[in-house]
N, C-alpha and C. Protein backbone atom coordinates (compact mmCIF):
# COMPACT_ATOMS: atom_id res chain seq x y z
N MET A 1 16.16 8.92 -3.81
CA MET A 1 15.16 8.13 -2.96
C MET A 1 15.46 8.18 -1.39
N GLU A 2 14.60 8.10 -0.54
CA GLU A 2 14.98 8.45 0.93
C GLU A 2 16.08 7.62 1.24
N SER A 3 17.04 7.48 2.47
CA SER A 3 18.15 6.80 2.73
C SER A 3 17.59 6.59 3.70
N SER A 4 16.53 6.46 4.61
CA SER A 4 16.22 5.69 5.63
C SER A 4 15.00 5.98 5.88
N VAL A 5 14.23 4.90 6.70
CA VAL A 5 12.75 5.11 6.89
C VAL A 5 13.09 4.33 8.23
N VAL A 6 11.39 4.61 8.84
CA VAL A 6 11.27 4.09 10.12
C VAL A 6 10.60 3.13 9.90
N PHE A 7 10.71 1.58 10.49
CA PHE A 7 10.03 0.17 10.56
C PHE A 7 9.99 -0.14 11.54
N ASN A 8 9.36 -0.79 12.67
CA ASN A 8 9.05 -1.10 13.82
C ASN A 8 9.75 -0.22 14.89
N GLU A 9 9.60 0.63 14.47
CA GLU A 9 9.71 1.55 15.43
C GLU A 9 10.95 2.05 15.58
N LYS A 10 12.01 1.78 14.29
CA LYS A 10 13.26 1.75 14.81
C LYS A 10 13.86 2.46 12.65
N ARG A 11 14.49 3.43 12.96
CA ARG A 11 15.25 4.04 11.85
C ARG A 11 16.20 3.29 10.85
N ILE A 12 16.01 2.69 9.70
CA ILE A 12 16.89 1.86 9.22
C ILE A 12 17.09 2.56 7.80
N GLU A 13 18.50 2.17 7.42
CA GLU A 13 18.95 2.63 6.15
C GLU A 13 18.35 1.82 4.74
N LEU A 14 17.09 2.35 4.21
CA LEU A 14 16.64 2.12 3.23
C LEU A 14 17.38 1.00 2.15
N PRO A 15 18.39 1.48 1.27
CA PRO A 15 19.12 0.65 0.45
C PRO A 15 19.39 -0.49 1.34
N ASP A 16 20.06 -0.49 2.16
CA ASP A 16 20.73 -1.80 3.02
C ASP A 16 19.64 -2.57 3.09
N PHE A 17 18.58 -1.90 3.84
CA PHE A 17 17.03 -3.23 3.98
C PHE A 17 16.91 -3.76 2.77
N LEU A 18 16.70 -3.11 1.94
CA LEU A 18 16.15 -3.88 0.36
C LEU A 18 16.98 -4.60 -0.24
N VAL A 19 18.37 -4.33 -0.10
CA VAL A 19 18.97 -5.19 -0.41
C VAL A 19 19.10 -6.49 0.22
N GLY A 20 18.89 -6.66 1.80
CA GLY A 20 19.14 -7.76 2.36
C GLY A 20 17.77 -8.25 2.24
N GLU A 21 16.86 -7.79 1.98
CA GLU A 21 15.62 -8.38 1.80
C GLU A 21 14.92 -8.82 0.45
N SER A 22 16.58 -8.66 -0.19
CA SER A 22 16.00 -9.30 -2.00
C SER A 22 15.42 -10.56 -2.32
N ARG A 23 15.55 -11.20 -1.27
CA ARG A 23 14.67 -12.76 -1.78
C ARG A 23 13.36 -12.53 -1.59
N ARG A 24 13.02 -11.48 -0.62
CA ARG A 24 11.28 -11.49 -0.65
C ARG A 24 10.88 -10.49 -1.40
N LYS A 25 9.54 -10.95 -2.20
CA LYS A 25 8.98 -10.27 -3.06
C LYS A 25 8.31 -9.05 -2.34
N LYS A 26 8.45 -7.70 -3.07
CA LYS A 26 8.11 -6.72 -2.70
C LYS A 26 6.99 -6.54 -3.59
N TYR A 27 5.89 -5.91 -2.67
CA TYR A 27 4.19 -5.15 -3.38
C TYR A 27 4.31 -4.23 -2.95
N VAL A 28 3.65 -3.39 -3.64
CA VAL A 28 3.09 -1.61 -3.05
C VAL A 28 1.71 -1.97 -2.31
N LEU A 29 0.67 -1.44 -1.83
CA LEU A 29 -0.58 -1.77 -1.19
C LEU A 29 -0.90 -0.22 -1.36
N ASP A 30 -2.34 -0.47 -1.84
CA ASP A 30 -3.18 0.97 -1.38
C ASP A 30 -4.54 0.59 -0.42
N ALA A 31 -4.81 1.94 -0.12
CA ALA A 31 -5.93 1.73 1.25
C ALA A 31 -6.97 0.91 0.72
N SER A 32 -7.52 0.88 -0.47
CA SER A 32 -8.75 -0.04 -0.86
C SER A 32 -8.65 -1.14 -0.54
N VAL A 33 -7.32 -1.88 -0.30
CA VAL A 33 -7.11 -3.30 0.12
C VAL A 33 -6.96 -3.60 1.88
N VAL A 34 -5.87 -2.63 1.95
CA VAL A 34 -5.77 -2.56 3.79
C VAL A 34 -6.60 -2.04 4.74
N PHE A 35 -7.96 -1.57 3.84
CA PHE A 35 -9.08 -1.39 4.61
C PHE A 35 -9.86 -2.32 4.99
N LYS A 36 -9.54 -3.47 3.82
CA LYS A 36 -10.58 -5.11 3.91
C LYS A 36 -10.21 -5.70 5.03
N TRP A 37 -8.75 -5.09 5.74
CA TRP A 37 -8.43 -6.23 6.98
C TRP A 37 -9.04 -5.70 8.20
N TYR A 38 -9.67 -4.59 8.17
CA TYR A 38 -9.81 -3.99 9.42
C TYR A 38 -11.68 -3.66 9.75
N TYR A 39 -11.88 -3.60 8.25
CA TYR A 39 -13.09 -3.58 8.29
C TYR A 39 -14.05 -4.57 7.29
N LYS A 40 -15.24 -5.24 7.62
CA LYS A 40 -15.68 -6.51 6.88
C LYS A 40 -17.27 -6.13 6.26
N LYS A 41 -17.69 -5.14 6.91
CA LYS A 41 -19.20 -5.15 6.96
C LYS A 41 -19.37 -4.20 5.23
N ASN A 42 -19.74 -4.93 4.01
CA ASN A 42 -20.17 -4.54 2.81
C ASN A 42 -19.21 -4.48 1.93
N GLU A 43 -17.93 -5.24 2.46
CA GLU A 43 -16.52 -5.24 1.79
C GLU A 43 -16.91 -6.26 1.04
N THR A 44 -15.87 -6.43 -0.49
CA THR A 44 -15.95 -7.27 -1.51
C THR A 44 -14.21 -8.06 -1.17
N ASP A 45 -14.17 -9.10 -1.94
CA ASP A 45 -12.86 -9.93 -2.00
C ASP A 45 -11.97 -9.87 -0.40
N LEU A 46 -12.87 -10.19 0.26
CA LEU A 46 -12.63 -10.33 1.78
C LEU A 46 -11.34 -11.46 2.32
N TYR A 47 -11.85 -12.66 1.28
CA TYR A 47 -10.84 -13.77 1.34
C TYR A 47 -9.61 -13.71 0.64
N SER A 48 -9.44 -12.71 -0.29
CA SER A 48 -8.45 -12.78 -0.77
C SER A 48 -7.28 -11.69 0.39
N ALA A 49 -8.10 -10.72 0.47
CA ALA A 49 -7.48 -9.96 1.82
C ALA A 49 -6.82 -10.31 2.65
N ASP A 50 -7.89 -11.48 3.44
CA ASP A 50 -7.20 -12.15 4.33
C ASP A 50 -6.06 -13.03 4.47
N ILE A 51 -5.98 -13.57 3.03
CA ILE A 51 -4.91 -14.43 2.13
C ILE A 51 -4.04 -13.56 2.42
N LEU A 52 -3.77 -12.39 1.60
CA LEU A 52 -2.73 -11.47 1.95
C LEU A 52 -2.28 -11.10 3.31
N TYR A 53 -3.11 -11.12 3.95
CA TYR A 53 -2.46 -10.28 5.39
C TYR A 53 -2.08 -11.16 6.21
N ASN A 54 -2.46 -12.68 5.78
CA ASN A 54 -2.01 -13.87 6.33
C ASN A 54 -0.66 -13.95 5.61
N PHE A 55 -0.66 -13.85 4.41
CA PHE A 55 1.21 -14.24 3.37
C PHE A 55 1.92 -12.88 4.61
N LEU A 56 1.03 -11.98 4.77
CA LEU A 56 1.98 -10.81 5.26
C LEU A 56 2.62 -10.98 6.61
N ASN A 57 1.62 -11.63 7.70
CA ASN A 57 2.07 -12.14 8.52
C ASN A 57 3.31 -12.97 8.85
N SER A 58 3.23 -13.38 8.00
CA SER A 58 4.26 -14.59 8.14
C SER A 58 5.41 -14.43 7.18
N HIS A 59 5.71 -13.05 7.31
CA HIS A 59 6.92 -12.33 6.26
C HIS A 59 7.73 -12.69 5.20
N GLN A 60 6.53 -13.27 4.53
CA GLN A 60 6.90 -13.76 2.99
C GLN A 60 6.93 -12.73 1.98
N TYR A 61 6.62 -11.46 2.15
CA TYR A 61 6.82 -10.19 1.53
C TYR A 61 7.05 -9.30 2.17
N ILE A 62 7.65 -8.25 1.50
CA ILE A 62 7.75 -6.93 1.89
C ILE A 62 6.63 -6.00 1.58
N LEU A 63 5.88 -5.35 2.14
CA LEU A 63 4.64 -4.25 1.92
C LEU A 63 5.18 -2.83 2.05
N ILE A 64 5.05 -2.18 1.03
CA ILE A 64 5.45 -0.67 0.90
C ILE A 64 4.16 0.14 0.53
N ALA A 65 4.01 1.29 1.29
CA ALA A 65 2.91 2.16 1.37
C ALA A 65 3.50 3.78 1.15
N PRO A 66 2.66 4.20 1.03
CA PRO A 66 3.37 5.84 1.02
C PRO A 66 2.05 6.21 2.30
N GLN A 67 2.69 7.33 2.90
CA GLN A 67 2.26 7.82 4.12
C GLN A 67 0.84 8.36 4.19
N LEU A 68 0.36 8.38 2.62
CA LEU A 68 -0.91 8.80 2.78
C LEU A 68 -1.73 7.44 2.92
N LEU A 69 -1.62 6.48 2.75
CA LEU A 69 -2.43 5.42 2.97
C LEU A 69 -3.13 5.27 4.50
N ILE A 70 -1.91 5.72 5.70
CA ILE A 70 -2.60 6.25 6.38
C ILE A 70 -3.52 7.16 6.89
N TYR A 71 -3.42 8.58 6.21
CA TYR A 71 -4.63 9.18 6.15
C TYR A 71 -5.87 8.67 5.45
N GLU A 72 -5.65 8.14 4.63
CA GLU A 72 -6.83 7.22 3.68
C GLU A 72 -7.63 6.62 4.88
N ILE A 73 -6.87 5.71 5.69
CA ILE A 73 -7.84 4.31 6.65
C ILE A 73 -8.45 5.33 7.22
N LEU A 74 -7.59 6.29 8.01
CA LEU A 74 -8.29 7.16 9.08
C LEU A 74 -9.62 7.93 8.54
N ASN A 75 -9.51 8.14 7.27
CA ASN A 75 -10.61 8.88 6.85
C ASN A 75 -11.55 8.06 6.70
N ALA A 76 -11.33 6.78 6.09
CA ALA A 76 -12.53 6.25 6.02
C ALA A 76 -13.18 5.50 7.12
N PHE A 77 -12.49 5.48 8.37
CA PHE A 77 -12.84 4.83 9.45
C PHE A 77 -13.33 6.23 10.20
N ARG A 78 -13.62 7.57 10.11
CA ARG A 78 -14.14 8.74 10.50
C ARG A 78 -15.61 8.46 11.17
N LEU A 79 -16.08 7.81 9.60
CA LEU A 79 -18.07 7.87 10.01
C LEU A 79 -18.19 6.64 10.51
N LYS A 80 -17.36 5.70 10.76
CA LYS A 80 -17.50 4.48 11.45
C LYS A 80 -17.51 4.32 12.94
N ASP A 81 -18.47 4.40 13.48
CA ASP A 81 -19.06 5.02 14.83
C ASP A 81 -18.44 3.66 15.64
N GLU A 82 -18.69 2.53 15.14
CA GLU A 82 -18.50 1.29 16.07
C GLU A 82 -16.91 0.98 16.09
N ILE A 83 -15.72 1.76 15.48
CA ILE A 83 -14.35 1.81 15.55
C ILE A 83 -13.74 2.61 16.82
N THR A 84 -13.87 2.02 17.63
CA THR A 84 -13.08 2.68 18.70
C THR A 84 -11.78 3.54 18.74
N SER A 85 -11.53 4.34 19.78
CA SER A 85 -10.47 5.08 19.16
C SER A 85 -9.14 3.90 19.81
N GLU A 86 -9.43 3.39 20.78
CA GLU A 86 -8.48 2.02 20.57
C GLU A 86 -8.29 1.14 19.60
N THR A 87 -9.22 0.92 18.85
CA THR A 87 -9.01 0.20 17.92
C THR A 87 -7.94 0.64 17.03
N ILE A 88 -8.61 2.33 16.57
CA ILE A 88 -7.42 3.01 15.68
C ILE A 88 -6.19 3.13 16.27
N ASP A 89 -6.08 3.25 17.34
CA ASP A 89 -4.45 3.16 18.07
C ASP A 89 -3.50 1.82 17.57
N LEU A 90 -4.49 0.54 17.91
CA LEU A 90 -4.18 -0.48 17.29
C LEU A 90 -3.95 -0.88 15.89
N ILE A 91 -5.00 0.10 15.21
CA ILE A 91 -4.37 -0.43 13.55
C ILE A 91 -3.19 0.27 13.45
N ILE A 92 -3.01 1.61 13.73
CA ILE A 92 -2.36 2.80 13.20
C ILE A 92 -0.87 1.98 13.57
N SER A 93 -0.78 1.63 15.03
CA SER A 93 0.56 0.78 15.57
C SER A 93 0.69 -0.60 14.52
N GLU A 94 -0.35 -1.64 13.80
CA GLU A 94 0.20 -2.43 13.32
C GLU A 94 0.66 -2.00 11.92
N LEU A 95 -0.17 -1.05 11.01
CA LEU A 95 0.48 -0.73 10.18
C LEU A 95 1.79 -0.08 10.11
N TYR A 96 2.28 0.28 10.74
CA TYR A 96 3.44 0.69 11.21
C TYR A 96 4.30 -0.23 11.29
N ASP A 97 4.09 -1.17 12.02
CA ASP A 97 5.03 -2.77 11.96
C ASP A 97 5.02 -3.50 11.06
N ILE A 98 3.81 -3.62 9.96
CA ILE A 98 4.03 -4.63 9.08
C ILE A 98 4.18 -3.71 7.62
N ILE A 99 3.66 -2.61 7.32
CA ILE A 99 3.93 -2.35 6.30
C ILE A 99 4.92 -0.86 6.14
N ILE A 100 6.35 -0.73 5.26
CA ILE A 100 7.11 0.33 5.24
C ILE A 100 6.46 1.55 4.82
N ILE A 101 5.95 2.13 5.52
CA ILE A 101 5.26 3.33 5.21
C ILE A 101 6.22 4.86 4.74
N LEU A 102 6.16 5.34 3.65
CA LEU A 102 7.19 6.28 3.17
C LEU A 102 6.81 7.42 3.16
N GLU A 103 7.27 8.31 3.22
CA GLU A 103 6.90 9.81 3.01
C GLU A 103 7.73 9.85 1.61
N ALA A 104 6.52 10.68 0.75
CA ALA A 104 6.80 11.32 -0.63
C ALA A 104 7.86 12.42 -0.41
N ASP A 105 8.96 12.17 -1.82
CA ASP A 105 10.08 13.14 -1.90
C ASP A 105 9.38 14.04 -3.00
N LYS A 106 10.20 14.70 -3.36
CA LYS A 106 10.04 15.79 -4.89
C LYS A 106 9.80 14.66 -5.88
N VAL A 107 10.79 13.97 -6.23
CA VAL A 107 10.76 12.87 -7.21
C VAL A 107 9.67 12.11 -7.41
N LEU A 108 9.31 11.80 -6.20
CA LEU A 108 7.77 10.81 -6.28
C LEU A 108 6.73 11.66 -6.29
N LEU A 109 6.33 12.88 -5.71
CA LEU A 109 5.38 13.96 -6.34
C LEU A 109 5.51 14.00 -7.43
N LYS A 110 6.41 14.30 -8.34
CA LYS A 110 6.29 15.06 -9.59
C LYS A 110 5.89 13.78 -10.40
N LYS A 111 6.58 12.84 -9.99
CA LYS A 111 5.79 11.59 -10.66
C LYS A 111 4.12 10.95 -10.56
N ALA A 112 3.81 11.48 -9.19
CA ALA A 112 2.50 10.96 -9.11
C ALA A 112 1.76 11.85 -9.93
N PHE A 113 2.12 13.33 -9.97
CA PHE A 113 1.75 13.97 -10.63
C PHE A 113 1.31 13.79 -11.96
N LEU A 114 2.39 13.46 -12.97
CA LEU A 114 2.71 13.07 -14.08
C LEU A 114 1.67 11.82 -14.34
N TYR A 115 1.69 11.01 -13.74
CA TYR A 115 0.57 9.66 -13.94
C TYR A 115 -1.00 10.30 -13.57
N SER A 116 -1.00 11.01 -12.91
CA SER A 116 -2.10 11.48 -12.48
C SER A 116 -3.07 12.05 -13.95
N ARG A 117 -2.21 12.99 -14.79
CA ARG A 117 -2.46 13.39 -16.01
C ARG A 117 -2.28 12.60 -16.72
N LEU A 118 -1.29 11.78 -17.02
CA LEU A 118 -1.12 10.98 -17.92
C LEU A 118 -2.24 9.56 -18.00
N LEU A 119 -2.97 9.08 -16.65
CA LEU A 119 -3.97 8.15 -16.83
C LEU A 119 -5.30 8.79 -15.95
N ASN A 120 -5.32 9.60 -16.24
CA ASN A 120 -6.59 10.39 -15.65
C ASN A 120 -7.28 9.74 -14.85
N ILE A 121 -5.99 10.40 -13.23
CA ILE A 121 -6.62 9.49 -12.26
C ILE A 121 -6.06 10.69 -11.15
N SER A 122 -6.47 10.50 -9.76
CA SER A 122 -6.24 11.36 -8.55
C SER A 122 -4.94 11.23 -8.94
N VAL A 123 -4.24 12.51 -7.90
CA VAL A 123 -2.81 12.39 -7.69
C VAL A 123 -2.30 11.30 -6.42
N TYR A 124 -3.95 11.23 -5.17
CA TYR A 124 -3.63 10.45 -4.59
C TYR A 124 -3.34 9.18 -5.18
N ASP A 125 -3.74 8.66 -6.17
CA ASP A 125 -3.59 7.27 -7.02
C ASP A 125 -2.18 7.43 -7.46
N GLY A 126 -2.22 8.33 -8.27
CA GLY A 126 -1.14 8.37 -8.71
C GLY A 126 0.40 7.83 -8.17
N ILE A 127 0.42 8.27 -6.60
CA ILE A 127 1.38 8.50 -5.63
C ILE A 127 1.70 6.56 -5.42
N TYR A 128 0.91 6.08 -5.27
CA TYR A 128 0.77 4.40 -5.68
C TYR A 128 1.53 4.15 -6.52
N ILE A 129 1.52 4.45 -7.83
CA ILE A 129 1.66 4.01 -8.95
C ILE A 129 3.26 3.86 -9.11
N ALA A 130 3.09 5.58 -8.80
CA ALA A 130 4.86 6.13 -8.74
C ALA A 130 5.56 5.74 -7.95
N LEU A 131 5.36 5.08 -6.51
CA LEU A 131 5.96 4.35 -5.44
C LEU A 131 6.04 2.91 -6.33
N SER A 132 4.96 2.32 -6.85
CA SER A 132 5.18 1.15 -7.65
C SER A 132 6.53 0.84 -8.50
N GLU A 133 6.46 1.55 -9.19
CA GLU A 133 7.56 2.03 -10.34
C GLU A 133 8.54 2.33 -9.44
N LYS A 134 9.13 2.89 -8.84
CA LYS A 134 10.19 3.53 -8.19
C LYS A 134 10.79 2.32 -7.77
N PHE A 135 10.16 1.08 -6.83
CA PHE A 135 10.48 0.04 -6.17
C PHE A 135 10.02 -1.02 -6.94
N ASP A 136 9.89 -0.88 -8.16
CA ASP A 136 9.73 -1.93 -8.86
C ASP A 136 9.05 -3.36 -8.60
N ALA A 137 7.89 -3.01 -7.94
CA ALA A 137 6.83 -3.66 -7.33
C ALA A 137 5.32 -3.55 -7.48
N PRO A 138 5.02 -4.74 -7.86
CA PRO A 138 3.53 -4.48 -8.32
C PRO A 138 2.72 -3.82 -7.36
N LEU A 139 1.65 -3.37 -7.96
CA LEU A 139 0.77 -2.41 -6.85
C LEU A 139 -0.81 -3.24 -7.01
N ILE A 140 -0.83 -3.75 -5.47
CA ILE A 140 -1.90 -4.04 -5.30
C ILE A 140 -3.38 -3.28 -4.53
N THR A 141 -4.47 -3.51 -5.34
CA THR A 141 -5.44 -2.67 -5.24
C THR A 141 -6.84 -3.39 -5.25
N SER A 142 -7.83 -2.85 -4.31
CA SER A 142 -9.09 -3.31 -5.22
C SER A 142 -10.11 -2.45 -5.49
N ASP A 143 -9.18 -1.64 -6.11
CA ASP A 143 -9.96 -0.06 -6.77
C ASP A 143 -10.09 -0.59 -8.37
N LYS A 144 -11.06 -0.93 -8.78
CA LYS A 144 -11.52 -1.06 -9.93
C LYS A 144 -10.72 0.02 -11.29
N LYS A 145 -11.07 1.54 -11.06
CA LYS A 145 -10.50 2.26 -11.62
C LYS A 145 -9.41 2.13 -11.65
N LEU A 146 -8.77 2.68 -10.77
CA LEU A 146 -7.31 2.23 -10.91
C LEU A 146 -6.68 1.41 -11.59
N TYR A 147 -6.78 0.36 -11.07
CA TYR A 147 -6.67 -1.19 -12.14
C TYR A 147 -6.80 -1.21 -13.60
N LYS A 148 -7.30 -0.54 -14.09
CA LYS A 148 -8.24 -0.01 -15.35
C LYS A 148 -7.22 0.78 -15.55
N SER A 149 -6.67 1.88 -15.47
CA SER A 149 -6.06 2.92 -15.55
C SER A 149 -4.73 2.42 -15.53
N GLY A 150 -3.78 1.33 -15.08
CA GLY A 150 -2.62 1.29 -14.79
C GLY A 150 -2.39 -0.20 -15.54
N GLU A 151 -3.16 -1.20 -16.14
CA GLU A 151 -3.22 -2.17 -16.69
C GLU A 151 -2.34 -2.17 -17.83
N ASN A 152 -1.93 -1.22 -18.56
CA ASN A 152 -0.75 -1.07 -19.26
C ASN A 152 0.48 -0.20 -19.26
N LEU A 153 0.57 -0.76 -17.62
CA LEU A 153 1.94 0.21 -17.44
C LEU A 153 2.76 -0.72 -17.62
N PRO A 154 4.35 -0.88 -17.41
CA PRO A 154 5.03 -1.73 -17.86
C PRO A 154 5.19 -2.74 -16.19
N HIS A 155 5.14 -1.65 -15.24
CA HIS A 155 5.08 -2.32 -13.99
C HIS A 155 3.60 -2.49 -13.47
N LYS A 156 3.56 -3.87 -12.89
CA LYS A 156 1.67 -4.51 -12.70
C LYS A 156 1.13 -3.78 -11.86
N VAL A 157 0.27 -3.67 -12.49
CA VAL A 157 -1.44 -2.88 -11.02
C VAL A 157 -2.48 -4.57 -11.30
N ILE A 158 -2.71 -5.24 -9.96
CA ILE A 158 -3.28 -6.23 -9.78
C ILE A 158 -4.30 -6.07 -8.75
N MET A 159 -5.26 -6.42 -9.30
CA MET A 159 -6.55 -6.46 -8.55
C MET A 159 -6.54 -7.64 -7.36
N LEU A 160 -6.85 -7.22 -6.17
CA LEU A 160 -7.10 -7.79 -5.02
C LEU A 160 -7.61 -9.27 -5.45
N SER A 161 -8.64 -9.33 -6.05
CA SER A 161 -9.30 -10.56 -6.32
C SER A 161 -8.44 -11.46 -7.22
N ASP A 162 -7.72 -10.70 -7.74
CA ASP A 162 -6.45 -11.87 -8.63
C ASP A 162 -5.04 -12.20 -8.00
N PHE A 163 -5.09 -11.54 -7.18
CA PHE A 163 -3.55 -11.82 -5.92
C PHE A 163 -3.26 -13.26 -6.12
N LEU A 164 -4.36 -14.14 -5.72
CA LEU A 164 -4.19 -15.35 -5.48
C LEU A 164 -3.38 -15.93 -6.88
N ASP A 165 -3.73 -15.49 -7.90
CA ASP A 165 -3.23 -16.18 -9.44
C ASP A 165 -2.18 -15.87 -9.47
N LYS A 166 -1.41 -15.01 -8.90
CA LYS A 166 -0.11 -14.40 -9.52
C LYS A 166 1.44 -15.37 -8.86
């Protein structure tokens, strides 16, 4: 496990932080959920995404994601001409402020690869499942294929649309 992470522009010891924050529920988020916070056009489950975002801003949960999430969000906005560079700067800053963004280590990458083969999913999706397992935290997604692939795992994969029911 990583010994420290950068959160709110400060380096913190991860085990100490998570122990100190053990009262709050942890979730792993994938890019399909986070994208809905910033782009509403032709998206579904916006109500659930907004509720999750509001819960997040009230500090009810600890949200964890791999650094891959940032790349996926930026890639999704690459062809959205209405999204300005200034907006992207704000999005990146906010994501680093409200989500614990982790770099993948060797163990996590190996797990992601194993999950990709076992579940017939991309290694990109496998990293979210591996992170969910590592932190014993449910993964929230709006990707139906990822949800179906992970629904029989011991650690939960929750559809964003079902989040309010959990």
